[in-house]
Amino acid sequence: MDMVQSGPSLETETLIALEEKGLTRREVEVLEWVARGKTNNEIGLILSISPRTASKHLEHIYTKLGVESRTAAVVQFLEMIQQTREVRQARDGHHMPGPPLSHQS
């Protein structure tokens, strides 16, 4: 199995938000792969680091995000992505889905 894969691409706003939380670029890479369901062993192969190094990056990520698990880190990560998309859509004037407006007489 070929473990060489191109990493996911984050929007600039999301990267900035993660960096404001103190995450390094490498920690962001690890978090992206965790969000894709990769194990520490798989992340190690993909990023050419040891599984232990991937685990240490995750420990730092948990501390910086104020969470205690992979799941909580991924939830916060996905929420940040969603928030930056919504901000971009609002800024660019794209219609954001929501409840229909009621017409009052």
Protein backbone atom coordinates (compact mmCIF):
# COMPACT_ATOMS: atom_id res chain seq x y z
CA MET A 1 0.00 0.00 0.00
CA ASP A 2 1.36 3.40 -0.99
CA MET A 3 1.24 5.72 2.02
CA VAL A 4 2.53 8.76 0.14
CA GLN A 5 -0.47 11.07 0.00
CA SER A 6 -0.87 14.76 -0.50
CA GLY A 7 -2.10 16.56 2.58
CA PRO A 8 -5.41 18.31 2.80
CA SER A 9 -5.50 21.99 2.00
CA LEU A 10 -6.82 24.43 4.57
CA GLU A 11 -8.06 27.92 3.92
CA THR A 12 -5.79 30.72 5.05
CA GLU A 13 -8.32 31.91 7.63
CA THR A 14 -8.39 28.47 9.27
CA LEU A 15 -4.59 28.30 9.36
CA ILE A 16 -4.47 31.73 10.98
CA ALA A 17 -7.05 30.69 13.59
CA LEU A 18 -5.05 27.54 14.42
CA GLU A 19 -1.79 29.50 14.61
CA GLU A 20 -3.51 31.98 16.95
CA LYS A 21 -4.22 29.01 19.23
CA GLY A 22 -0.46 28.34 19.16
CA LEU A 23 -0.37 25.34 16.83
CA THR A 24 2.72 24.89 14.68
CA ARG A 25 2.45 23.99 10.99
CA ARG A 26 3.47 20.42 11.83
CA GLU A 27 0.81 20.17 14.52
CA VAL A 28 -1.76 21.42 12.01
CA GLU A 29 -0.64 18.71 9.57
CA VAL A 30 -1.01 16.05 12.25
CA LEU A 31 -4.45 17.37 13.21
CA GLU A 32 -5.57 17.33 9.57
CA TRP A 33 -4.64 13.65 9.28
CA VAL A 34 -6.29 12.81 12.61
CA ALA A 35 -9.45 14.46 11.26
CA ARG A 36 -9.22 12.14 8.26
CA GLY A 37 -9.23 9.16 10.62
CA LYS A 38 -5.55 8.26 10.45
CA THR A 39 -3.82 6.47 13.31
CA ASN A 40 -0.53 7.65 14.80
CA ASN A 41 1.22 4.85 12.86
CA GLU A 42 -0.35 6.00 9.58
CA ILE A 43 0.42 9.66 10.32
CA GLY A 44 4.01 8.68 11.02
CA LEU A 45 4.29 6.98 7.65
CA ILE A 46 2.62 9.85 5.80
CA LEU A 47 4.72 12.58 7.43
CA SER A 48 7.93 10.53 7.76
CA ILE A 49 7.95 10.77 11.55
CA SER A 50 7.73 8.10 14.23
CA PRO A 51 4.34 7.18 15.69
CA ARG A 52 5.70 8.43 19.04
CA THR A 53 6.44 11.84 17.50
CA ALA A 54 2.90 11.94 16.10
CA SER A 55 1.63 11.14 19.60
CA LYS A 56 3.71 13.95 21.13
CA HIS A 57 2.36 16.39 18.55
CA LEU A 58 -1.15 15.32 19.57
CA GLU A 59 -0.36 15.91 23.24
CA HIS A 60 0.72 19.45 22.36
CA ILE A 61 -2.42 19.93 20.23
CA TYR A 62 -4.66 18.83 23.12
CA THR A 63 -3.00 21.30 25.46
CA LYS A 64 -3.20 24.19 23.00
CA LEU A 65 -6.84 23.51 22.13
CA GLY A 66 -7.81 22.80 25.74
CA VAL A 67 -9.14 19.32 24.97
CA GLU A 68 -8.42 15.82 26.25
CA SER A 69 -9.07 13.50 23.30
CA ARG A 70 -8.62 12.99 19.57
CA THR A 71 -12.36 13.31 19.10
CA ALA A 72 -12.56 16.63 20.96
CA ALA A 73 -9.59 17.98 18.99
CA VAL A 74 -11.21 16.98 15.69
CA VAL A 75 -14.56 18.48 16.70
CA GLN A 76 -12.90 21.79 17.54
CA PHE A 77 -10.87 21.64 14.31
CA LEU A 78 -13.98 21.01 12.18
CA GLU A 79 -15.87 23.79 13.98
CA MET A 80 -13.03 26.19 13.18
CA ILE A 81 -13.16 25.18 9.51
CA GLN A 82 -16.94 25.70 9.44
CA GLN A 83 -16.68 29.09 11.15
CA THR A 84 -14.05 30.36 8.73
CA ARG A 85 -16.15 29.17 5.76
CA GLU A 86 -19.20 30.98 7.12
CA VAL A 87 -17.19 34.17 7.66
CA ARG A 88 -15.79 33.94 4.12
CA GLN A 89 -19.22 33.32 2.62
CA ALA A 90 -20.71 36.26 4.50
CA ARG A 91 -17.79 38.48 3.50
CA ASP A 92 -18.05 37.43 -0.14
CA GLY A 93 -21.82 37.94 -0.18
CA HIS A 94 -22.74 34.29 -0.70
CA HIS A 95 -26.13 33.22 0.53
CA MET A 96 -25.87 31.16 3.69
CA PRO A 97 -28.54 28.52 4.19
CA GLY A 98 -30.94 29.19 6.99
CA PRO A 99 -34.60 29.15 7.83
CA PRO A 100 -36.90 30.90 5.38
CA LEU A 101 -37.90 34.41 6.28
CA SER A 102 -41.49 34.77 7.37
CA HIS A 103 -43.54 37.53 5.82
CA GLN A 104 -45.52 39.57 8.29
CA SER A 105 -48.26 41.99 7.29
